[in-house]
Amino acid sequence: MRDDVLRALDVVIDPELDEPITDLGFVHTVDVDGNGDVEVHLRLPTSFCAPNFAYLMASDAKDVLVALDWTNEVTVELDDHHDSEIINTGLAADAGYRGTFRHEADDGLEDLRLTFQRKAHTAAMERCLTALLRADPARPVEELGRVRIADLPDDAVRDSLLRRRAAIGLPCTAEDLVMVDHVGNGYPSDAVPTALRRARSTRISIEGNAHFCRGLLRTRYVDGGSESLSATTDLELTFSGRNAFQ
């Protein structure tokens, strides 16, 4: 059953880093009893990680575990965060984000989630187009604005792009342009180089932040202590092979 828990948690994404919390090592412990009661403890690289991000990940973790057909009582707690008590109380009461943070919650979380989903799409788009340039260095950058999904190699990089397009409501047919903004508008050829540079900056920022957070987590918890990244005798799942292409 613990493997089911970790597989479920593998779809919970850190919105800023665009990687599963399992890959990032944020899942500290998983406990499952014979009655289907599950208790999961999460911990983050610092005690001052943004509360809205922290709540979003913890809430998503609880949602995916409650959705499993065999779970009974599900408890998800965030450890060692400056808002742990507030977040854990809100999660236990199913109070929602606004009910948890009350006057401090200016907006709901869906706008925040969408903002980072759009950034993830931009990064995935850049990976695909940069891969084409690497495969054909003589190709003019301006031509990338005419590349369609059918022109991309059938690989994990393209699959990643398609998932991120679907997440923000963009079409994913073979004839759709790859290089589009978050509402699906293409770019004129003279705007492509600048748009690609901006997309590359977005991708580098996401990947750099993920690397930095991994280092902070290892420094903060020298024991490792991650249920999702440490080897166990009864769980033969390897998460380290997953990356931002997923």
C-alpha atoms as a PDB file:
ATOM      1  CA  MET A   1       0.000   0.000   0.000  1.00  0.00           C
ATOM      2  CA  ARG A   2       2.894   2.362   0.617  1.00  0.00           C
ATOM      3  CA  ASP A   3       3.861   2.021  -3.031  1.00  0.00           C
ATOM      4  CA  ASP A   4       0.332   3.126  -3.980  1.00  0.00           C
ATOM      5  CA  VAL A   5       0.747   6.179  -1.757  1.00  0.00           C
ATOM      6  CA  LEU A   6       4.027   7.180  -3.328  1.00  0.00           C
ATOM      7  CA  ARG A   7       2.736   6.598  -6.835  1.00  0.00           C
ATOM      8  CA  ALA A   8      -0.218   8.836  -6.044  1.00  0.00           C
ATOM      9  CA  LEU A   9       2.024  11.519  -4.570  1.00  0.00           C
ATOM     10  CA  ASP A  10       4.149  11.415  -7.712  1.00  0.00           C
ATOM     11  CA  VAL A  11       1.524  13.548  -9.488  1.00  0.00           C
ATOM     12  CA  VAL A  12       1.690  16.307  -6.867  1.00  0.00           C
ATOM     13  CA  ILE A  13       3.808  19.074  -8.374  1.00  0.00           C
ATOM     14  CA  ASP A  14       5.720  21.868  -6.719  1.00  0.00           C
ATOM     15  CA  PRO A  15       4.140  24.731  -8.681  1.00  0.00           C
ATOM     16  CA  GLU A  16       7.271  26.878  -8.770  1.00  0.00           C
ATOM     17  CA  LEU A  17       9.769  24.096  -9.538  1.00  0.00           C
ATOM     18  CA  ASP A  18       7.524  22.081 -11.892  1.00  0.00           C
ATOM     19  CA  GLU A  19       8.645  18.746 -10.457  1.00  0.00           C
ATOM     20  CA  PRO A  20       6.890  16.081  -8.356  1.00  0.00           C
ATOM     21  CA  ILE A  21       7.303  16.401  -4.603  1.00  0.00           C
ATOM     22  CA  THR A  22       8.540  12.808  -4.638  1.00  0.00           C
ATOM     23  CA  ASP A  23      11.425  13.675  -6.964  1.00  0.00           C
ATOM     24  CA  LEU A  24      12.275  16.709  -4.871  1.00  0.00           C
ATOM     25  CA  GLY A  25      12.459  14.691  -1.662  1.00  0.00           C
ATOM     26  CA  PHE A  26       9.652  16.594   0.084  1.00  0.00           C
ATOM     27  CA  VAL A  27       7.892  13.413   1.262  1.00  0.00           C
ATOM     28  CA  HIS A  28       9.448  12.742   4.659  1.00  0.00           C
ATOM     29  CA  THR A  29       7.466   9.758   5.948  1.00  0.00           C
ATOM     30  CA  VAL A  30       4.572   7.547   4.883  1.00  0.00           C
ATOM     31  CA  ASP A  31       2.662   5.355   7.341  1.00  0.00           C
ATOM     32  CA  VAL A  32      -0.176   3.024   6.353  1.00  0.00           C
ATOM     33  CA  ASP A  33      -2.079   0.710   8.666  1.00  0.00           C
ATOM     34  CA  GLY A  34      -4.284  -2.282   7.967  1.00  0.00           C
ATOM     35  CA  ASN A  35      -7.479  -0.225   8.113  1.00  0.00           C
ATOM     36  CA  GLY A  36      -6.489   2.001   5.214  1.00  0.00           C
ATOM     37  CA  ASP A  37      -5.480   4.923   7.412  1.00  0.00           C
ATOM     38  CA  VAL A  38      -2.642   6.907   5.867  1.00  0.00           C
ATOM     39  CA  GLU A  39      -0.402   9.505   7.482  1.00  0.00           C
ATOM     40  CA  VAL A  40       2.099  11.448   5.387  1.00  0.00           C
ATOM     41  CA  HIS A  41       4.560  14.060   6.584  1.00  0.00           C
ATOM     42  CA  LEU A  42       6.042  16.576   4.186  1.00  0.00           C
ATOM     43  CA  ARG A  43       8.975  18.888   4.745  1.00  0.00           C
ATOM     44  CA  LEU A  44      10.448  21.631   2.599  1.00  0.00           C
ATOM     45  CA  PRO A  45      13.914  23.098   2.018  1.00  0.00           C
ATOM     46  CA  THR A  46      13.376  26.016   4.420  1.00  0.00           C
ATOM     47  CA  SER A  47      10.965  27.003   7.157  1.00  0.00           C
ATOM     48  CA  PHE A  48       9.999  30.110   5.214  1.00  0.00           C
ATOM     49  CA  CYS A  49       8.959  28.622   1.885  1.00  0.00           C
ATOM     50  CA  ALA A  50       5.973  30.582   0.604  1.00  0.00           C
ATOM     51  CA  PRO A  51       2.895  29.536   2.617  1.00  0.00           C
ATOM     52  CA  ASN A  52       0.658  29.477  -0.447  1.00  0.00           C
ATOM     53  CA  PHE A  53       3.011  27.089  -2.257  1.00  0.00           C
ATOM     54  CA  ALA A  54       3.355  24.961   0.872  1.00  0.00           C
ATOM     55  CA  TYR A  55      -0.403  24.765   1.365  1.00  0.00           C
ATOM     56  CA  LEU A  56      -0.997  23.977  -2.306  1.00  0.00           C
ATOM     57  CA  MET A  57       1.360  20.990  -2.233  1.00  0.00           C
ATOM     58  CA  ALA A  58       0.035  19.672   1.073  1.00  0.00           C
ATOM     59  CA  SER A  59      -3.578  20.085  -0.030  1.00  0.00           C
ATOM     60  CA  ASP A  60      -2.936  18.415  -3.389  1.00  0.00           C
ATOM     61  CA  ALA A  61      -1.204  15.554  -1.558  1.00  0.00           C
ATOM     62  CA  LYS A  62      -4.238  15.004   0.635  1.00  0.00           C
ATOM     63  CA  ASP A  63      -6.593  15.163  -2.353  1.00  0.00           C
ATOM     64  CA  VAL A  64      -4.776  12.466  -4.335  1.00  0.00           C
ATOM     65  CA  LEU A  65      -4.643  10.161  -1.311  1.00  0.00           C
ATOM     66  CA  VAL A  66      -8.306  10.623  -0.453  1.00  0.00           C
ATOM     67  CA  ALA A  67      -9.080   9.736  -4.081  1.00  0.00           C
ATOM     68  CA  LEU A  68      -7.499   6.268  -3.715  1.00  0.00           C
ATOM     69  CA  ASP A  69     -10.261   3.692  -3.453  1.00  0.00           C
ATOM     70  CA  TRP A  70      -8.765   1.928  -0.419  1.00  0.00           C
ATOM     71  CA  THR A  71      -7.863   4.815   1.877  1.00  0.00           C
ATOM     72  CA  ASN A  72      -9.904   5.478   4.989  1.00  0.00           C
ATOM     73  CA  GLU A  73      -8.581   8.271   7.211  1.00  0.00           C
ATOM     74  CA  VAL A  74      -5.979  10.436   5.444  1.00  0.00           C
ATOM     75  CA  THR A  75      -3.701  12.784   7.364  1.00  0.00           C
ATOM     76  CA  VAL A  76      -1.177  15.013   5.635  1.00  0.00           C
ATOM     77  CA  GLU A  77       1.009  17.262   7.750  1.00  0.00           C
ATOM     78  CA  LEU A  78       3.715  19.758   6.900  1.00  0.00           C
ATOM     79  CA  ASP A  79       6.642  19.679   9.325  1.00  0.00           C
ATOM     80  CA  ASP A  80       9.115  22.393  10.326  1.00  0.00           C
ATOM     81  CA  HIS A  81       7.446  25.283   8.493  1.00  0.00           C
ATOM     82  CA  HIS A  82       6.681  28.587  10.160  1.00  0.00           C
ATOM     83  CA  ASP A  83       3.006  28.102   9.256  1.00  0.00           C
ATOM     84  CA  SER A  84       2.872  24.359   9.955  1.00  0.00           C
ATOM     85  CA  GLU A  85       0.284  24.689  12.715  1.00  0.00           C
ATOM     86  CA  ILE A  86      -2.010  26.855  10.611  1.00  0.00           C
ATOM     87  CA  ILE A  87      -1.675  24.675   7.511  1.00  0.00           C
ATOM     88  CA  ASN A  88      -2.070  21.375   9.353  1.00  0.00           C
ATOM     89  CA  THR A  89      -5.131  22.621  11.225  1.00  0.00           C
ATOM     90  CA  GLY A  90      -6.717  23.814   7.995  1.00  0.00           C
ATOM     91  CA  LEU A  91      -5.993  20.543   6.218  1.00  0.00           C
ATOM     92  CA  ALA A  92      -7.435  18.483   9.067  1.00  0.00           C
ATOM     93  CA  ALA A  93     -10.626  20.567   8.987  1.00  0.00           C
ATOM     94  CA  ASP A  94     -10.827  20.594   5.161  1.00  0.00           C
ATOM     95  CA  ALA A  95     -11.111  24.356   5.511  1.00  0.00           C
ATOM     96  CA  GLY A  96      -9.658  25.229   2.109  1.00  0.00           C
ATOM     97  CA  TYR A  97      -7.035  27.873   1.475  1.00  0.00           C
ATOM     98  CA  ARG A  98      -9.150  30.878   2.386  1.00  0.00           C
ATOM     99  CA  GLY A  99     -10.619  29.135   5.389  1.00  0.00           C
ATOM    100  CA  THR A 100      -7.114  28.233   6.545  1.00  0.00           C
ATOM    101  CA  PHE A 101      -5.427  31.627   6.150  1.00  0.00           C
ATOM    102  CA  ARG A 102      -8.547  33.815   6.432  1.00  0.00           C
ATOM    103  CA  HIS A 103      -7.665  37.519   6.072  1.00  0.00           C
ATOM    104  CA  GLU A 104      -4.154  36.674   4.848  1.00  0.00           C
ATOM    105  CA  ALA A 105      -5.523  34.843   1.804  1.00  0.00           C
ATOM    106  CA  ASP A 106      -6.109  37.614  -0.709  1.00  0.00           C
ATOM    107  CA  ASP A 107      -7.050  35.267  -3.517  1.00  0.00           C
ATOM    108  CA  GLY A 108      -7.728  31.603  -4.101  1.00  0.00           C
ATOM    109  CA  LEU A 109      -5.010  29.267  -5.325  1.00  0.00           C
ATOM    110  CA  GLU A 110      -6.253  28.563  -8.841  1.00  0.00           C
ATOM    111  CA  ASP A 111      -4.858  31.792 -10.290  1.00  0.00           C
ATOM    112  CA  LEU A 112      -1.507  31.009  -8.684  1.00  0.00           C
ATOM    113  CA  ARG A 113      -1.586  27.456 -10.027  1.00  0.00           C
ATOM    114  CA  LEU A 114      -2.394  28.705 -13.542  1.00  0.00           C
ATOM    115  CA  THR A 115       0.448  31.241 -13.482  1.00  0.00           C
ATOM    116  CA  PHE A 116       2.999  28.525 -12.799  1.00  0.00           C
ATOM    117  CA  GLN A 117       1.387  26.071 -15.208  1.00  0.00           C
ATOM    118  CA  ARG A 118       1.875  28.701 -17.910  1.00  0.00           C
ATOM    119  CA  LYS A 119       5.539  29.062 -16.946  1.00  0.00           C
ATOM    120  CA  ALA A 120       5.937  25.289 -17.065  1.00  0.00           C
ATOM    121  CA  HIS A 121       4.427  25.288 -20.555  1.00  0.00           C
ATOM    122  CA  THR A 122       6.854  28.001 -21.669  1.00  0.00           C
ATOM    123  CA  ALA A 123       9.814  25.994 -20.361  1.00  0.00           C
ATOM    124  CA  ALA A 124       8.602  22.788 -22.046  1.00  0.00           C
ATOM    125  CA  MET A 125       8.084  24.641 -25.324  1.00  0.00           C
ATOM    126  CA  GLU A 126      11.630  26.006 -25.171  1.00  0.00           C
ATOM    127  CA  ARG A 127      13.072  22.535 -24.535  1.00  0.00           C
ATOM    128  CA  CYS A 128      11.382  21.198 -27.662  1.00  0.00           C
ATOM    129  CA  LEU A 129      12.476  24.059 -29.892  1.00  0.00           C
ATOM    130  CA  THR A 130      16.022  24.162 -28.558  1.00  0.00           C
ATOM    131  CA  ALA A 131      16.299  20.413 -29.200  1.00  0.00           C
ATOM    132  CA  LEU A 132      15.414  21.084 -32.855  1.00  0.00           C
ATOM    133  CA  LEU A 133      18.123  23.731 -33.084  1.00  0.00           C
ATOM    134  CA  ARG A 134      20.688  21.391 -31.581  1.00  0.00           C
ATOM    135  CA  ALA A 135      19.756  18.702 -34.068  1.00  0.00           C
ATOM    136  CA  ASP A 136      20.113  21.182 -36.952  1.00  0.00           C
ATOM    137  CA  PRO A 137      22.400  24.106 -35.956  1.00  0.00           C
ATOM    138  CA  ALA A 138      22.067  25.664 -39.418  1.00  0.00           C
ATOM    139  CA  ARG A 139      18.332  26.082 -39.016  1.00  0.00           C
ATOM    140  CA  PRO A 140      17.296  29.770 -38.819  1.00  0.00           C
ATOM    141  CA  VAL A 141      15.770  30.579 -35.440  1.00  0.00           C
ATOM    142  CA  GLU A 142      13.011  32.550 -37.135  1.00  0.00           C
ATOM    143  CA  GLU A 143      11.673  29.343 -38.709  1.00  0.00           C
ATOM    144  CA  LEU A 144      10.804  27.908 -35.297  1.00  0.00           C
ATOM    145  CA  GLY A 145       7.631  29.964 -35.288  1.00  0.00           C
ATOM    146  CA  ARG A 146       6.296  27.673 -38.048  1.00  0.00           C
ATOM    147  CA  VAL A 147       7.090  24.380 -36.309  1.00  0.00           C
ATOM    148  CA  ARG A 148       4.043  22.236 -35.635  1.00  0.00           C
ATOM    149  CA  ILE A 149       3.560  19.466 -33.101  1.00  0.00           C
ATOM    150  CA  ALA A 150       3.799  16.903 -35.909  1.00  0.00           C
ATOM    151  CA  ASP A 151       7.338  18.154 -36.602  1.00  0.00           C
ATOM    152  CA  LEU A 152       8.586  17.240 -33.126  1.00  0.00           C
ATOM    153  CA  PRO A 153      10.293  13.921 -32.380  1.00  0.00           C
ATOM    154  CA  ASP A 154       8.042  11.433 -30.620  1.00  0.00           C
ATOM    155  CA  ASP A 155       9.908  11.473 -27.320  1.00  0.00           C
ATOM    156  CA  ALA A 156       9.628  12.400 -23.646  1.00  0.00           C
ATOM    157  CA  VAL A 157      10.311  16.082 -24.349  1.00  0.00           C
ATOM    158  CA  ARG A 158       7.324  16.300 -26.681  1.00  0.00           C
ATOM    159  CA  ASP A 159       5.142  14.323 -24.275  1.00  0.00           C
ATOM    160  CA  SER A 160       6.056  16.790 -21.545  1.00  0.00           C
ATOM    161  CA  LEU A 161       5.015  19.693 -23.761  1.00  0.00           C
ATOM    162  CA  LEU A 162       1.690  18.073 -24.626  1.00  0.00           C
ATOM    163  CA  ARG A 163       0.856  17.517 -20.953  1.00  0.00           C
ATOM    164  CA  ARG A 164       1.621  21.110 -20.131  1.00  0.00           C
ATOM    165  CA  ARG A 165      -0.373  22.402 -23.086  1.00  0.00           C
ATOM    166  CA  ALA A 166      -3.359  20.326 -21.994  1.00  0.00           C
ATOM    167  CA  ALA A 167      -3.035  21.634 -18.420  1.00  0.00           C
ATOM    168  CA  ILE A 168      -3.583  25.226 -19.559  1.00  0.00           C
ATOM    169  CA  GLY A 169      -6.216  24.399 -22.159  1.00  0.00           C
ATOM    170  CA  LEU A 170      -4.153  24.636 -25.351  1.00  0.00           C
ATOM    171  CA  PRO A 171      -4.958  22.287 -28.249  1.00  0.00           C
ATOM    172  CA  CYS A 172      -2.581  19.399 -28.895  1.00  0.00           C
ATOM    173  CA  THR A 173      -3.332  18.282 -32.456  1.00  0.00           C
ATOM    174  CA  ALA A 174      -0.557  17.457 -34.902  1.00  0.00           C
ATOM    175  CA  GLU A 175      -1.163  20.654 -36.888  1.00  0.00           C
ATOM    176  CA  ASP A 176      -1.014  23.062 -33.953  1.00  0.00           C
ATOM    177  CA  LEU A 177       1.943  25.440 -33.772  1.00  0.00           C
ATOM    178  CA  VAL A 178       4.477  24.681 -31.053  1.00  0.00           C
ATOM    179  CA  MET A 179       5.582  28.238 -30.370  1.00  0.00           C
ATOM    180  CA  VAL A 180       2.536  29.960 -28.926  1.00  0.00           C
ATOM    181  CA  ASP A 181       1.759  32.157 -25.962  1.00  0.00           C
ATOM    182  CA  HIS A 182      -0.409  31.015 -23.065  1.00  0.00           C
ATOM    183  CA  VAL A 183      -3.645  31.642 -25.010  1.00  0.00           C
ATOM    184  CA  GLY A 184      -2.456  29.953 -28.187  1.00  0.00           C
ATOM    185  CA  ASN A 185      -1.328  32.908 -30.302  1.00  0.00           C
ATOM    186  CA  GLY A 186       1.680  32.333 -32.543  1.00  0.00           C
ATOM    187  CA  TYR A 187       4.583  34.689 -33.146  1.00  0.00           C
ATOM    188  CA  PRO A 188       5.627  36.524 -36.320  1.00  0.00           C
ATOM    189  CA  SER A 189       9.049  35.421 -37.535  1.00  0.00           C
ATOM    190  CA  ASP A 190      10.799  38.614 -36.423  1.00  0.00           C
ATOM    191  CA  ALA A 191       9.515  38.131 -32.849  1.00  0.00           C
ATOM    192  CA  VAL A 192      10.627  34.503 -32.542  1.00  0.00           C
ATOM    193  CA  PRO A 193      14.257  35.056 -31.405  1.00  0.00           C
ATOM    194  CA  THR A 194      13.215  37.355 -28.555  1.00  0.00           C
ATOM    195  CA  ALA A 195      10.365  35.066 -27.507  1.00  0.00           C
ATOM    196  CA  LEU A 196      12.709  32.071 -27.497  1.00  0.00           C
ATOM    197  CA  ARG A 197      15.285  33.911 -25.347  1.00  0.00           C
ATOM    198  CA  ARG A 198      12.567  34.802 -22.837  1.00  0.00           C
ATOM    199  CA  ALA A 199      11.336  31.226 -22.791  1.00  0.00           C
ATOM    200  CA  ARG A 200      14.893  30.006 -22.213  1.00  0.00           C
ATOM    201  CA  SER A 201      15.231  32.369 -19.253  1.00  0.00           C
ATOM    202  CA  THR A 202      12.028  30.936 -17.798  1.00  0.00           C
ATOM    203  CA  ARG A 203      13.276  27.371 -18.214  1.00  0.00           C
ATOM    204  CA  ILE A 204      16.686  28.116 -16.718  1.00  0.00           C
ATOM    205  CA  SER A 205      15.059  29.854 -13.754  1.00  0.00           C
ATOM    206  CA  ILE A 206      12.784  26.883 -13.030  1.00  0.00           C
ATOM    207  CA  GLU A 207      15.592  24.347 -13.303  1.00  0.00           C
ATOM    208  CA  GLY A 208      17.998  26.516 -11.293  1.00  0.00           C
ATOM    209  CA  ASN A 209      15.488  26.967  -8.478  1.00  0.00           C
ATOM    210  CA  ALA A 210      14.871  23.207  -8.365  1.00  0.00           C
ATOM    211  CA  HIS A 211      18.612  22.522  -8.095  1.00  0.00           C
ATOM    212  CA  PHE A 212      18.966  25.153  -5.377  1.00  0.00           C
ATOM    213  CA  CYS A 213      16.060  23.747  -3.370  1.00  0.00           C
ATOM    214  CA  ARG A 214      17.465  20.229  -3.526  1.00  0.00           C
ATOM    215  CA  GLY A 215      20.718  21.554  -2.092  1.00  0.00           C
ATOM    216  CA  LEU A 216      18.916  23.429   0.665  1.00  0.00           C
ATOM    217  CA  LEU A 217      16.924  20.324   1.596  1.00  0.00           C
ATOM    218  CA  ARG A 218      20.080  18.207   1.843  1.00  0.00           C
ATOM    219  CA  THR A 219      21.731  20.880   3.973  1.00  0.00           C
ATOM    220  CA  ARG A 220      18.741  21.289   6.255  1.00  0.00           C
ATOM    221  CA  TYR A 221      18.216  17.562   6.795  1.00  0.00           C
ATOM    222  CA  VAL A 222      21.629  15.945   6.807  1.00  0.00           C
ATOM    223  CA  ASP A 223      20.035  12.566   7.541  1.00  0.00           C
ATOM    224  CA  GLY A 224      18.334  12.540   4.142  1.00  0.00           C
ATOM    225  CA  GLY A 225      15.109  11.265   5.636  1.00  0.00           C
ATOM    226  CA  SER A 226      13.037  11.327   2.477  1.00  0.00           C
ATOM    227  CA  GLU A 227      10.572   8.485   2.113  1.00  0.00           C
ATOM    228  CA  SER A 228      10.356   9.113  -1.609  1.00  0.00           C
ATOM    229  CA  LEU A 229      14.077   9.105  -2.349  1.00  0.00           C
ATOM    230  CA  SER A 230      15.540   6.613   0.103  1.00  0.00           C
ATOM    231  CA  ALA A 231      15.713   2.905  -0.647  1.00  0.00           C
ATOM    232  CA  THR A 232      13.375   0.653   1.311  1.00  0.00           C
ATOM    233  CA  THR A 233      13.142  -3.091   1.623  1.00  0.00           C
ATOM    234  CA  ASP A 234       9.460  -3.324   0.796  1.00  0.00           C
ATOM    235  CA  LEU A 235       9.276  -0.641  -1.867  1.00  0.00           C
ATOM    236  CA  GLU A 236      11.147  -1.088  -5.106  1.00  0.00           C
ATOM    237  CA  LEU A 237      10.257   2.130  -6.849  1.00  0.00           C
ATOM    238  CA  THR A 238      12.865   4.414  -8.326  1.00  0.00           C
ATOM    239  CA  PHE A 239      11.869   8.042  -8.512  1.00  0.00           C
ATOM    240  CA  SER A 240      15.257   9.543  -9.300  1.00  0.00           C
ATOM    241  CA  GLY A 241      14.821   8.753 -12.963  1.00  0.00           C
ATOM    242  CA  ARG A 242      11.894  11.142 -13.271  1.00  0.00           C
ATOM    243  CA  ASN A 243      12.623  14.751 -14.088  1.00  0.00           C
ATOM    244  CA  ALA A 244      11.089  17.913 -15.414  1.00  0.00           C
ATOM    245  CA  PHE A 245      10.287  16.197 -18.714  1.00  0.00           C
ATOM    246  CA  GLN A 246       7.485  14.273 -16.989  1.00  0.00           C
END
